[in-house]
Amino acid sequence: MPSKPPRICACGHRVAAGVRCPCERKRAAERNARHDRKRPNSSQRGYTGTWEKARLAFLAEHPRCRRCGGPADLVDHITPHKGDPARFWDRTNWQALCTHCHSGAKQREERRLTRRPKQ
């Protein structure tokens, strides 16, 4: 069965297919650190003790993941609230998800939507 050949990174290193060069990993880590420095902390984004109580109550009402049906442990905002308190607290915008579904498919969908060119 054929496999992809190695590639040459911009820094000149030969890298196996599907593997990131150390220089690429370093650039990605630096980019993520710059983003994290600008991002408000969780309590500044609205995730306070009041949210924790509301989250636990919602999970008690909706114990199953909306996507896979497994046990839910997160409350996700269907439409990202982007700091809007009205959208943040709108319970019709909440869904119960398991960590796997929230961290996988849901995050890919949100990234894909934000990358779409505006018309």
PDB file of N, CA and C in Angstrom:
ATOM      1  N   MET A   1       0.851  -1.169   0.000  1.00  0.00           N
ATOM      2  CA  MET A   1       0.000   0.000   0.000  1.00  0.00           C
ATOM      3  C   MET A   1       0.898   1.233   0.000  1.00  0.00           C
ATOM      4  N   PRO A   2       0.696   2.151  -0.944  1.00  0.00           N
ATOM      5  CA  PRO A   2       1.564   3.325  -1.025  1.00  0.00           C
ATOM      6  C   PRO A   2       1.313   4.280   0.135  1.00  0.00           C
ATOM      7  N   SER A   3       2.364   4.943   0.543  1.00  0.00           N
ATOM      8  CA  SER A   3       2.240   5.958   1.579  1.00  0.00           C
ATOM      9  C   SER A   3       2.820   7.252   1.041  1.00  0.00           C
ATOM     10  N   LYS A   4       2.494   8.339   1.701  1.00  0.00           N
ATOM     11  CA  LYS A   4       2.988   9.630   1.247  1.00  0.00           C
ATOM     12  C   LYS A   4       4.493   9.725   1.488  1.00  0.00           C
ATOM     13  N   PRO A   5       5.184  10.355   0.573  1.00  0.00           N
ATOM     14  CA  PRO A   5       6.629  10.524   0.762  1.00  0.00           C
ATOM     15  C   PRO A   5       6.911  11.624   1.783  1.00  0.00           C
ATOM     16  N   PRO A   6       8.106  11.658   2.350  1.00  0.00           N
ATOM     17  CA  PRO A   6       8.444  12.745   3.268  1.00  0.00           C
ATOM     18  C   PRO A   6       8.455  14.073   2.509  1.00  0.00           C
ATOM     19  N   ARG A   7       8.344  15.141   3.263  1.00  0.00           N
ATOM     20  CA  ARG A   7       8.363  16.467   2.658  1.00  0.00           C
ATOM     21  C   ARG A   7       9.520  17.261   3.231  1.00  0.00           C
ATOM     22  N   ILE A   8       9.828  18.370   2.598  1.00  0.00           N
ATOM     23  CA  ILE A   8      10.882  19.265   3.078  1.00  0.00           C
ATOM     24  C   ILE A   8      10.208  20.471   3.720  1.00  0.00           C
ATOM     25  N   CYS A   9      10.513  20.707   4.968  1.00  0.00           N
ATOM     26  CA  CYS A   9       9.960  21.846   5.703  1.00  0.00           C
ATOM     27  C   CYS A   9      10.617  23.131   5.193  1.00  0.00           C
ATOM     28  N   ALA A  10       9.994  24.264   5.479  1.00  0.00           N
ATOM     29  CA  ALA A  10      10.537  25.560   5.077  1.00  0.00           C
ATOM     30  C   ALA A  10      11.923  25.804   5.679  1.00  0.00           C
ATOM     31  N   CYS A  11      12.199  25.162   6.818  1.00  0.00           N
ATOM     32  CA  CYS A  11      13.518  25.338   7.450  1.00  0.00           C
ATOM     33  C   CYS A  11      14.575  24.436   6.813  1.00  0.00           C
ATOM     34  N   GLY A  12      14.147  23.516   5.914  1.00  0.00           N
ATOM     35  CA  GLY A  12      15.087  22.642   5.230  1.00  0.00           C
ATOM     36  C   GLY A  12      15.153  21.229   5.758  1.00  0.00           C
ATOM     37  N   HIS A  13      14.482  20.937   6.868  1.00  0.00           N
ATOM     38  CA  HIS A  13      14.482  19.585   7.425  1.00  0.00           C
ATOM     39  C   HIS A  13      13.573  18.668   6.615  1.00  0.00           C
ATOM     40  N   ARG A  14      13.968  17.416   6.512  1.00  0.00           N
ATOM     41  CA  ARG A  14      13.136  16.391   5.896  1.00  0.00           C
ATOM     42  C   ARG A  14      12.199  15.866   6.981  1.00  0.00           C
ATOM     43  N   VAL A  15      10.894  15.876   6.699  1.00  0.00           N
ATOM     44  CA  VAL A  15       9.881  15.520   7.696  1.00  0.00           C
ATOM     45  C   VAL A  15       8.969  14.447   7.120  1.00  0.00           C
ATOM     46  N   ALA A  16       8.693  13.433   7.910  1.00  0.00           N
ATOM     47  CA  ALA A  16       7.787  12.360   7.481  1.00  0.00           C
ATOM     48  C   ALA A  16       6.387  12.922   7.252  1.00  0.00           C
ATOM     49  N   ALA A  17       5.648  12.291   6.368  1.00  0.00           N
ATOM     50  CA  ALA A  17       4.279  12.720   6.079  1.00  0.00           C
ATOM     51  C   ALA A  17       3.430  12.642   7.334  1.00  0.00           C
ATOM     52  N   GLY A  18       2.620  13.663   7.560  1.00  0.00           N
ATOM     53  CA  GLY A  18       1.732  13.687   8.718  1.00  0.00           C
ATOM     54  C   GLY A  18       2.399  14.086  10.021  1.00  0.00           C
ATOM     55  N   VAL A  19       3.681  14.449   9.988  1.00  0.00           N
ATOM     56  CA  VAL A  19       4.416  14.839  11.190  1.00  0.00           C
ATOM     57  C   VAL A  19       4.806  16.304  11.045  1.00  0.00           C
ATOM     58  N   ARG A  20       4.765  17.043  12.159  1.00  0.00           N
ATOM     59  CA  ARG A  20       5.171  18.441  12.116  1.00  0.00           C
ATOM     60  C   ARG A  20       6.631  18.571  12.526  1.00  0.00           C
ATOM     61  N   CYS A  21       7.327  19.423  11.817  1.00  0.00           N
ATOM     62  CA  CYS A  21       8.735  19.709  12.091  1.00  0.00           C
ATOM     63  C   CYS A  21       8.835  20.438  13.440  1.00  0.00           C
ATOM     64  N   PRO A  22       9.954  20.302  14.166  1.00  0.00           N
ATOM     65  CA  PRO A  22      10.112  21.033  15.426  1.00  0.00           C
ATOM     66  C   PRO A  22       9.922  22.545  15.258  1.00  0.00           C
ATOM     67  N   CYS A  23      10.367  23.105  14.132  1.00  0.00           N
ATOM     68  CA  CYS A  23      10.190  24.550  13.948  1.00  0.00           C
ATOM     69  C   CYS A  23       8.706  24.896  13.793  1.00  0.00           C
ATOM     70  N   GLU A  24       7.919  24.015  13.186  1.00  0.00           N
ATOM     71  CA  GLU A  24       6.480  24.249  13.047  1.00  0.00           C
ATOM     72  C   GLU A  24       5.776  24.146  14.402  1.00  0.00           C
ATOM     73  N   ARG A  25       6.199  23.178  15.214  1.00  0.00           N
ATOM     74  CA  ARG A  25       5.620  23.049  16.563  1.00  0.00           C
ATOM     75  C   ARG A  25       5.942  24.266  17.397  1.00  0.00           C
ATOM     76  N   LYS A  26       7.174  24.791  17.270  1.00  0.00           N
ATOM     77  CA  LYS A  26       7.576  25.972  18.033  1.00  0.00           C
ATOM     78  C   LYS A  26       6.741  27.184  17.608  1.00  0.00           C
ATOM     79  N   ARG A  27       6.558  27.377  16.300  1.00  0.00           N
ATOM     80  CA  ARG A  27       5.752  28.518  15.822  1.00  0.00           C
ATOM     81  C   ARG A  27       4.312  28.403  16.303  1.00  0.00           C
ATOM     82  N   ALA A  28       3.764  27.190  16.276  1.00  0.00           N
ATOM     83  CA  ALA A  28       2.385  26.991  16.743  1.00  0.00           C
ATOM     84  C   ALA A  28       2.267  27.292  18.238  1.00  0.00           C
ATOM     85  N   ALA A  29       3.246  26.869  19.031  1.00  0.00           N
ATOM     86  CA  ALA A  29       3.227  27.140  20.473  1.00  0.00           C
ATOM     87  C   ALA A  29       3.315  28.641  20.737  1.00  0.00           C
ATOM     88  N   GLU A  30       4.149  29.347  19.984  1.00  0.00           N
ATOM     89  CA  GLU A  30       4.266  30.799  20.152  1.00  0.00           C
ATOM     90  C   GLU A  30       2.967  31.501  19.768  1.00  0.00           C
ATOM     91  N   ARG A  31       2.342  31.059  18.679  1.00  0.00           N
ATOM     92  CA  ARG A  31       1.074  31.641  18.234  1.00  0.00           C
ATOM     93  C   ARG A  31      -0.004  31.423  19.295  1.00  0.00           C
ATOM     94  N   ASN A  32      -0.075  30.213  19.854  1.00  0.00           N
ATOM     95  CA  ASN A  32      -1.060  29.923  20.893  1.00  0.00           C
ATOM     96  C   ASN A  32      -0.802  30.749  22.146  1.00  0.00           C
ATOM     97  N   ALA A  33       0.458  30.953  22.510  1.00  0.00           N
ATOM     98  CA  ALA A  33       0.790  31.753  23.690  1.00  0.00           C
ATOM     99  C   ALA A  33       0.365  33.205  23.483  1.00  0.00           C
ATOM    100  N   ARG A  34       0.572  33.743  22.276  1.00  0.00           N
ATOM    101  CA  ARG A  34       0.141  35.122  21.998  1.00  0.00           C
ATOM    102  C   ARG A  34      -1.375  35.236  22.130  1.00  0.00           C
ATOM    103  N   HIS A  35      -2.094  34.245  21.618  1.00  0.00           N
ATOM    104  CA  HIS A  35      -3.555  34.252  21.718  1.00  0.00           C
ATOM    105  C   HIS A  35      -3.995  34.183  23.179  1.00  0.00           C
ATOM    106  N   ASP A  36      -3.392  33.308  23.963  1.00  0.00           N
ATOM    107  CA  ASP A  36      -3.769  33.139  25.368  1.00  0.00           C
ATOM    108  C   ASP A  36      -3.511  34.393  26.188  1.00  0.00           C
ATOM    109  N   ARG A  37      -2.462  35.138  25.868  1.00  0.00           N
ATOM    110  CA  ARG A  37      -2.177  36.377  26.616  1.00  0.00           C
ATOM    111  C   ARG A  37      -3.262  37.421  26.396  1.00  0.00           C
ATOM    112  N   LYS A  38      -3.878  37.432  25.221  1.00  0.00           N
ATOM    113  CA  LYS A  38      -4.913  38.420  24.910  1.00  0.00           C
ATOM    114  C   LYS A  38      -6.300  37.989  25.388  1.00  0.00           C
ATOM    115  N   ARG A  39      -6.486  36.691  25.618  1.00  0.00           N
ATOM    116  CA  ARG A  39      -7.797  36.167  25.957  1.00  0.00           C
ATOM    117  C   ARG A  39      -8.134  36.436  27.425  1.00  0.00           C
ATOM    118  N   PRO A  40      -9.366  36.929  27.699  1.00  0.00           N
ATOM    119  CA  PRO A  40      -9.775  37.119  29.102  1.00  0.00           C
ATOM    120  C   PRO A  40      -9.864  35.777  29.819  1.00  0.00           C
ATOM    121  N   ASN A  41      -9.704  35.808  31.150  1.00  0.00           N
ATOM    122  CA  ASN A  41      -9.806  34.551  31.891  1.00  0.00           C
ATOM    123  C   ASN A  41     -11.273  34.105  31.967  1.00  0.00           C
ATOM    124  N   SER A  42     -11.501  32.917  32.487  1.00  0.00           N
ATOM    125  CA  SER A  42     -12.851  32.333  32.451  1.00  0.00           C
ATOM    126  C   SER A  42     -13.875  33.177  33.210  1.00  0.00           C
ATOM    127  N   SER A  43     -13.519  33.712  34.360  1.00  0.00           N
ATOM    128  CA  SER A  43     -14.499  34.515  35.106  1.00  0.00           C
ATOM    129  C   SER A  43     -14.799  35.826  34.381  1.00  0.00           C
ATOM    130  N   GLN A  44     -13.825  36.377  33.665  1.00  0.00           N
ATOM    131  CA  GLN A  44     -14.076  37.582  32.876  1.00  0.00           C
ATOM    132  C   GLN A  44     -14.980  37.278  31.684  1.00  0.00           C
ATOM    133  N   ARG A  45     -14.988  36.024  31.222  1.00  0.00           N
ATOM    134  CA  ARG A  45     -15.848  35.624  30.110  1.00  0.00           C
ATOM    135  C   ARG A  45     -17.238  35.210  30.595  1.00  0.00           C
ATOM    136  N   GLY A  46     -17.504  35.240  31.909  1.00  0.00           N
ATOM    137  CA  GLY A  46     -18.836  34.955  32.445  1.00  0.00           C
ATOM    138  C   GLY A  46     -18.974  33.632  33.162  1.00  0.00           C
ATOM    139  N   TYR A  47     -17.922  32.822  33.201  1.00  0.00           N
ATOM    140  CA  TYR A  47     -18.001  31.506  33.822  1.00  0.00           C
ATOM    141  C   TYR A  47     -17.672  31.616  35.311  1.00  0.00           C
ATOM    142  N   THR A  48     -18.671  32.066  36.074  1.00  0.00           N
ATOM    143  CA  THR A  48     -18.525  32.319  37.510  1.00  0.00           C
ATOM    144  C   THR A  48     -19.254  31.230  38.306  1.00  0.00           C
ATOM    145  N   GLY A  49     -19.359  31.434  39.594  1.00  0.00           N
ATOM    146  CA  GLY A  49     -20.095  30.506  40.447  1.00  0.00           C
ATOM    147  C   GLY A  49     -21.569  30.424  40.064  1.00  0.00           C
ATOM    148  N   THR A  50     -22.123  31.541  39.617  1.00  0.00           N
ATOM    149  CA  THR A  50     -23.523  31.555  39.175  1.00  0.00           C
ATOM    150  C   THR A  50     -23.692  30.656  37.952  1.00  0.00           C
ATOM    151  N   TRP A  51     -22.734  30.737  37.039  1.00  0.00           N
ATOM    152  CA  TRP A  51     -22.766  29.861  35.861  1.00  0.00           C
ATOM    153  C   TRP A  51     -22.667  28.395  36.286  1.00  0.00           C
ATOM    154  N   GLU A  52     -21.780  28.106  37.231  1.00  0.00           N
ATOM    155  CA  GLU A  52     -21.585  26.722  37.669  1.00  0.00           C
ATOM    156  C   GLU A  52     -22.888  26.134  38.217  1.00  0.00           C
ATOM    157  N   LYS A  53     -23.641  26.917  39.001  1.00  0.00           N
ATOM    158  CA  LYS A  53     -24.923  26.448  39.534  1.00  0.00           C
ATOM    159  C   LYS A  53     -25.926  26.215  38.410  1.00  0.00           C
ATOM    160  N   ALA A  54     -26.000  27.157  37.461  1.00  0.00           N
ATOM    161  CA  ALA A  54     -26.929  27.029  36.336  1.00  0.00           C
ATOM    162  C   ALA A  54     -26.535  25.825  35.468  1.00  0.00           C
ATOM    163  N   ARG A  55     -25.241  25.620  35.275  1.00  0.00           N
ATOM    164  CA  ARG A  55     -24.736  24.505  34.473  1.00  0.00           C
ATOM    165  C   ARG A  55     -25.132  23.167  35.104  1.00  0.00           C
ATOM    166  N   LEU A  56     -24.935  23.046  36.412  1.00  0.00           N
ATOM    167  CA  LEU A  56     -25.285  21.798  37.099  1.00  0.00           C
ATOM    168  C   LEU A  56     -26.781  21.529  37.048  1.00  0.00           C
ATOM    169  N   ALA A  57     -27.602  22.577  37.187  1.00  0.00           N
ATOM    170  CA  ALA A  57     -29.051  22.412  37.098  1.00  0.00           C
ATOM    171  C   ALA A  57     -29.452  21.967  35.693  1.00  0.00           C
ATOM    172  N   PHE A  58     -28.842  22.549  34.671  1.00  0.00           N
ATOM    173  CA  PHE A  58     -29.142  22.184  33.283  1.00  0.00           C
ATOM    174  C   PHE A  58     -28.752  20.731  33.014  1.00  0.00           C
ATOM    175  N   LEU A  59     -27.580  20.328  33.510  1.00  0.00           N
ATOM    176  CA  LEU A  59     -27.139  18.946  33.310  1.00  0.00           C
ATOM    177  C   LEU A  59     -28.031  17.953  34.054  1.00  0.00           C
ATOM    178  N   ALA A  60     -28.603  18.377  35.188  1.00  0.00           N
ATOM    179  CA  ALA A  60     -29.533  17.496  35.902  1.00  0.00           C
ATOM    180  C   ALA A  60     -30.803  17.278  35.069  1.00  0.00           C
ATOM    181  N   GLU A  61     -31.230  18.316  34.343  1.00  0.00           N
ATOM    182  CA  GLU A  61     -32.414  18.214  33.484  1.00  0.00           C
ATOM    183  C   GLU A  61     -32.104  17.481  32.173  1.00  0.00           C
ATOM    184  N   HIS A  62     -30.863  17.624  31.671  1.00  0.00           N
ATOM    185  CA  HIS A  62     -30.455  17.054  30.380  1.00  0.00           C
ATOM    186  C   HIS A  62     -29.179  16.228  30.586  1.00  0.00           C
ATOM    187  N   PRO A  63     -29.297  15.022  31.134  1.00  0.00           N
ATOM    188  CA  PRO A  63     -28.100  14.248  31.490  1.00  0.00           C
ATOM    189  C   PRO A  63     -27.397  13.565  30.310  1.00  0.00           C
ATOM    190  N   ARG A  64     -28.010  13.528  29.119  1.00  0.00           N
ATOM    191  CA  ARG A  64     -27.424  12.827  27.973  1.00  0.00           C
ATOM    192  C   ARG A  64     -26.887  13.824  26.951  1.00  0.00           C
ATOM    193  N   CYS A  65     -25.783  13.434  26.304  1.00  0.00           N
ATOM    194  CA  CYS A  65     -25.167  14.242  25.253  1.00  0.00           C
ATOM    195  C   CYS A  65     -26.143  14.363  24.081  1.00  0.00           C
ATOM    196  N   ARG A  66     -26.296  15.573  23.602  1.00  0.00           N
ATOM    197  CA  ARG A  66     -27.236  15.821  22.512  1.00  0.00           C
ATOM    198  C   ARG A  66     -26.780  15.176  21.199  1.00  0.00           C
ATOM    199  N   ARG A  67     -25.482  14.948  21.039  1.00  0.00           N
ATOM    200  CA  ARG A  67     -24.966  14.397  19.790  1.00  0.00           C
ATOM    201  C   ARG A  67     -24.887  12.866  19.810  1.00  0.00           C
ATOM    202  N   CYS A  68     -24.252  12.308  20.843  1.00  0.00           N
ATOM    203  CA  CYS A  68     -24.015  10.847  20.830  1.00  0.00           C
ATOM    204  C   CYS A  68     -24.899  10.080  21.804  1.00  0.00           C
ATOM    205  N   GLY A  69     -25.566  10.765  22.737  1.00  0.00           N
ATOM    206  CA  GLY A  69     -26.430  10.088  23.691  1.00  0.00           C
ATOM    207  C   GLY A  69     -25.712   9.568  24.927  1.00  0.00           C
ATOM    208  N   GLY A  70     -24.395   9.764  25.000  1.00  0.00           N
ATOM    209  CA  GLY A  70     -23.629   9.351  26.172  1.00  0.00           C
ATOM    210  C   GLY A  70     -23.877  10.302  27.342  1.00  0.00           C
ATOM    211  N   PRO A  71     -23.253  10.053  28.476  1.00  0.00           N
ATOM    212  CA  PRO A  71     -23.428  10.950  29.617  1.00  0.00           C
ATOM    213  C   PRO A  71     -22.820  12.318  29.321  1.00  0.00           C
ATOM    214  N   ALA A  72     -23.604  13.360  29.548  1.00  0.00           N
ATOM    215  CA  ALA A  72     -23.150  14.736  29.283  1.00  0.00           C
ATOM    216  C   ALA A  72     -22.427  15.273  30.505  1.00  0.00           C
ATOM    217  N   ASP A  73     -21.363  16.043  30.272  1.00  0.00           N
ATOM    218  CA  ASP A  73     -20.665  16.679  31.382  1.00  0.00           C
ATOM    219  C   ASP A  73     -20.350  18.143  31.103  1.00  0.00           C
ATOM    220  N   LEU A  74     -20.797  18.659  29.968  1.00  0.00           N
ATOM    221  CA  LEU A  74     -20.562  20.063  29.625  1.00  0.00           C
ATOM    222  C   LEU A  74     -21.851  20.698  29.112  1.00  0.00           C
ATOM    223  N   VAL A  75     -21.985  21.984  29.363  1.00  0.00           N
ATOM    224  CA  VAL A  75     -23.069  22.757  28.763  1.00  0.00           C
ATOM    225  C   VAL A  75     -22.418  23.660  27.732  1.00  0.00           C
ATOM    226  N   ASP A  76     -22.852  23.509  26.509  1.00  0.00           N
ATOM    227  CA  ASP A  76     -22.283  24.245  25.379  1.00  0.00           C
ATOM    228  C   ASP A  76     -23.275  25.289  24.898  1.00  0.00           C
ATOM    229  N   HIS A  77     -22.750  26.432  24.461  1.00  0.00           N
ATOM    230  CA  HIS A  77     -23.587  27.450  23.820  1.00  0.00           C
ATOM    231  C   HIS A  77     -23.670  27.081  22.343  1.00  0.00           C
ATOM    232  N   ILE A  78     -24.869  26.811  21.844  1.00  0.00           N
ATOM    233  CA  ILE A  78     -25.057  26.390  20.460  1.00  0.00           C
ATOM    234  C   ILE A  78     -24.499  27.457  19.524  1.00  0.00           C
ATOM    235  N   THR A  79     -24.935  28.698  19.718  1.00  0.00           N
ATOM    236  CA  THR A  79     -24.367  29.831  18.997  1.00  0.00           C
ATOM    237  C   THR A  79     -23.402  30.496  19.962  1.00  0.00           C
ATOM    238  N   PRO A  80     -22.131  30.639  19.617  1.00  0.00           N
ATOM    239  CA  PRO A  80     -21.175  31.246  20.541  1.00  0.00           C
ATOM    240  C   PRO A  80     -21.656  32.621  21.019  1.00  0.00           C
ATOM    241  N   HIS A  81     -21.530  32.864  22.317  1.00  0.00           N
ATOM    242  CA  HIS A  81     -22.060  34.109  22.884  1.00  0.00           C
ATOM    243  C   HIS A  81     -21.175  35.313  22.627  1.00  0.00           C
ATOM    244  N   LYS A  82     -19.894  35.116  22.369  1.00  0.00           N
ATOM    245  CA  LYS A  82     -18.949  36.201  22.048  1.00  0.00           C
ATOM    246  C   LYS A  82     -19.027  37.361  23.050  1.00  0.00           C
ATOM    247  N   GLY A  83     -19.290  37.027  24.321  1.00  0.00           N
ATOM    248  CA  GLY A  83     -19.321  38.041  25.370  1.00  0.00           C
ATOM    249  C   GLY A  83     -20.662  38.710  25.567  1.00  0.00           C
ATOM    250  N   ASP A  84     -21.666  38.354  24.793  1.00  0.00           N
ATOM    251  CA  ASP A  84     -23.003  38.945  24.926  1.00  0.00           C
ATOM    252  C   ASP A  84     -23.722  38.279  26.100  1.00  0.00           C
ATOM    253  N   PRO A  85     -23.980  39.026  27.194  1.00  0.00           N
ATOM    254  CA  PRO A  85     -24.600  38.408  28.370  1.00  0.00           C
ATOM    255  C   PRO A  85     -25.989  37.832  28.094  1.00  0.00           C
ATOM    256  N   ALA A  86     -26.760  38.480  27.231  1.00  0.00           N
ATOM    257  CA  ALA A  86     -28.109  37.966  26.927  1.00  0.00           C
ATOM    258  C   ALA A  86     -28.012  36.602  26.262  1.00  0.00           C
ATOM    259  N   ARG A  87     -27.104  36.445  25.313  1.00  0.00           N
ATOM    260  CA  ARG A  87     -26.936  35.163  24.634  1.00  0.00           C
ATOM    261  C   ARG A  87     -26.288  34.144  25.569  1.00  0.00           C
ATOM    262  N   PHE A  88     -25.408  34.602  26.441  1.00  0.00           N
ATOM    263  CA  PHE A  88     -24.739  33.715  27.399  1.00  0.00           C
ATOM    264  C   PHE A  88     -25.765  33.029  28.295  1.00  0.00           C
ATOM    265  N   TRP A  89     -26.751  33.782  28.802  1.00  0.00           N
ATOM    266  CA  TRP A  89     -27.715  33.245  29.759  1.00  0.00           C
ATOM    267  C   TRP A  89     -28.991  32.722  29.110  1.00  0.00           C
ATOM    268  N   ASP A  90     -29.113  32.760  27.789  1.00  0.00           N
ATOM    269  CA  ASP A  90     -30.288  32.259  27.088  1.00  0.00           C
ATOM    270  C   ASP A  90     -30.257  30.727  27.089  1.00  0.00           C
ATOM    271  N   ARG A  91     -31.112  30.114  27.917  1.00  0.00           N
ATOM    272  CA  ARG A  91     -31.098  28.652  28.066  1.00  0.00           C
ATOM    273  C   ARG A  91     -31.511  27.930  26.779  1.00  0.00           C
ATOM    274  N   THR A  92     -32.203  28.611  25.871  1.00  0.00           N
ATOM    275  CA  THR A  92     -32.553  27.969  24.601  1.00  0.00           C
ATOM    276  C   THR A  92     -31.318  27.834  23.710  1.00  0.00           C
ATOM    277  N   ASN A  93     -30.232  28.515  24.066  1.00  0.00           N
ATOM    278  CA  ASN A  93     -28.976  28.457  23.320  1.00  0.00           C
ATOM    279  C   ASN A  93     -27.994  27.455  23.948  1.00  0.00           C
ATOM    280  N   TRP A  94     -28.445  26.707  24.938  1.00  0.00           N
ATOM    281  CA  TRP A  94     -27.577  25.746  25.629  1.00  0.00           C
ATOM    282  C   TRP A  94     -27.876  24.335  25.133  1.00  0.00           C
ATOM    283  N   GLN A  95     -26.836  23.501  25.142  1.00  0.00           N
ATOM    284  CA  GLN A  95     -27.013  22.079  24.864  1.00  0.00           C
ATOM    285  C   GLN A  95     -26.038  21.288  25.726  1.00  0.00           C
ATOM    286  N   ALA A  96     -26.483  20.130  26.163  1.00  0.00           N
ATOM    287  CA  ALA A  96     -25.638  19.248  26.966  1.00  0.00           C
ATOM    288  C   ALA A  96     -24.796  18.399  26.013  1.00  0.00           C
ATOM    289  N   LEU A  97     -23.481  18.370  26.243  1.00  0.00           N
ATOM    290  CA  LEU A  97     -22.567  17.583  25.422  1.00  0.00           C
ATOM    291  C   LEU A  97     -21.588  16.831  26.306  1.00  0.00           C
ATOM    292  N   CYS A  98     -21.080  15.718  25.796  1.00  0.00           N
ATOM    293  CA  CYS A  98     -19.975  15.040  26.460  1.00  0.00           C
ATOM    294  C   CYS A  98     -18.686  15.741  26.021  1.00  0.00           C
ATOM    295  N   THR A  99     -17.601  15.530  26.737  1.00  0.00           N
ATOM    296  CA  THR A  99     -16.338  16.185  26.411  1.00  0.00           C
ATOM    297  C   THR A  99     -15.867  15.811  25.018  1.00  0.00           C
ATOM    298  N   HIS A 100     -16.018  14.554  24.643  1.00  0.00           N
ATOM    299  CA  HIS A 100     -15.564  14.100  23.328  1.00  0.00           C
ATOM    300  C   HIS A 100     -16.265  14.871  22.206  1.00  0.00           C
ATOM    301  N   CYS A 101     -17.573  14.975  22.272  1.00  0.00           N
ATOM    302  CA  CYS A 101     -18.317  15.684  21.222  1.00  0.00           C
ATOM    303  C   CYS A 101     -18.011  17.176  21.231  1.00  0.00           C
ATOM    304  N   HIS A 102     -17.904  17.757  22.417  1.00  0.00           N
ATOM    305  CA  HIS A 102     -17.628  19.195  22.503  1.00  0.00           C
ATOM    306  C   HIS A 102     -16.233  19.519  21.990  1.00  0.00           C
ATOM    307  N   SER A 103     -15.260  18.726  22.337  1.00  0.00           N
ATOM    308  CA  SER A 103     -13.881  19.018  21.963  1.00  0.00           C
ATOM    309  C   SER A 103     -13.559  18.589  20.542  1.00  0.00           C
ATOM    310  N   GLY A 104     -14.383  17.767  19.957  1.00  0.00           N
ATOM    311  CA  GLY A 104     -14.101  17.279  18.610  1.00  0.00           C
ATOM    312  C   GLY A 104     -14.936  17.971  17.563  1.00  0.00           C
ATOM    313  N   ALA A 105     -16.070  17.371  17.239  1.00  0.00           N
ATOM    314  CA  ALA A 105     -16.886  17.832  16.120  1.00  0.00           C
ATOM    315  C   ALA A 105     -17.371  19.262  16.307  1.00  0.00           C
ATOM    316  N   LYS A 106     -17.807  19.625  17.502  1.00  0.00           N
ATOM    317  CA  LYS A 106     -18.349  20.972  17.734  1.00  0.00           C
ATOM    318  C   LYS A 106     -17.282  22.035  17.497  1.00  0.00           C
ATOM    319  N   GLN A 107     -16.067  21.812  17.959  1.00  0.00           N
ATOM    320  CA  GLN A 107     -15.000  22.788  17.769  1.00  0.00           C
ATOM    321  C   GLN A 107     -14.607  22.893  16.301  1.00  0.00           C
ATOM    322  N   ARG A 108     -14.575  21.766  15.595  1.00  0.00           N
ATOM    323  CA  ARG A 108     -14.276  21.808  14.150  1.00  0.00           C
ATOM    324  C   ARG A 108     -15.332  22.608  13.406  1.00  0.00           C
ATOM    325  N   GLU A 109     -16.614  22.416  13.757  1.00  0.00           N
ATOM    326  CA  GLU A 109     -17.691  23.166  13.111  1.00  0.00           C
ATOM    327  C   GLU A 109     -17.522  24.671  13.343  1.00  0.00           C
ATOM    328  N   GLU A 110     -17.235  25.053  14.580  1.00  0.00           N
ATOM    329  CA  GLU A 110     -17.088  26.475  14.887  1.00  0.00           C
ATOM    330  C   GLU A 110     -15.901  27.071  14.146  1.00  0.00           C
ATOM    331  N   ARG A 111     -14.795  26.346  14.069  1.00  0.00           N
ATOM    332  CA  ARG A 111     -13.641  26.855  13.318  1.00  0.00           C
ATOM    333  C   ARG A 111     -13.980  27.000  11.843  1.00  0.00           C
ATOM    334  N   ARG A 112     -14.710  26.031  11.302  1.00  0.00           N
ATOM    335  CA  ARG A 112     -15.069  26.078   9.891  1.00  0.00           C
ATOM    336  C   ARG A 112     -15.988  27.273   9.620  1.00  0.00           C
ATOM    337  N   LEU A 113     -16.910  27.560  10.527  1.00  0.00           N
ATOM    338  CA  LEU A 113     -17.823  28.685  10.341  1.00  0.00           C
ATOM    339  C   LEU A 113     -17.098  30.034  10.414  1.00  0.00           C
ATOM    340  N   THR A 114     -16.110  30.142  11.297  1.00  0.00           N
ATOM    341  CA  THR A 114     -15.398  31.417  11.422  1.00  0.00           C
ATOM    342  C   THR A 114     -14.446  31.654  10.266  1.00  0.00           C
ATOM    343  N   ARG A 115     -14.029  30.595   9.573  1.00  0.00           N
ATOM    344  CA  ARG A 115     -13.122  30.739   8.445  1.00  0.00           C
ATOM    345  C   ARG A 115     -13.841  31.024   7.137  1.00  0.00           C
ATOM    346  N   ARG A 116     -15.142  30.814   7.109  1.00  0.00           N
ATOM    347  CA  ARG A 116     -15.917  30.989   5.879  1.00  0.00           C
ATOM    348  C   ARG A 116     -15.882  32.465   5.465  1.00  0.00           C
ATOM    349  N   PRO A 117     -15.589  32.770   4.189  1.00  0.00           N
ATOM    350  CA  PRO A 117     -15.562  34.161   3.750  1.00  0.00           C
ATOM    351  C   PRO A 117     -16.955  34.778   3.806  1.00  0.00           C
ATOM    352  N   LYS A 118     -16.992  36.035   4.217  1.00  0.00           N
ATOM    353  CA  LYS A 118     -18.267  36.750   4.332  1.00  0.00           C
ATOM    354  C   LYS A 118     -18.688  37.264   2.963  1.00  0.00           C
ATOM    355  N   GLN A 119     -19.987  37.143   2.661  1.00  0.00           N
ATOM    356  CA  GLN A 119     -20.487  37.596   1.359  1.00  0.00           C
ATOM    357  C   GLN A 119     -21.359  38.804   1.503  1.00  0.00           C
TER     358      GLN A 119
END
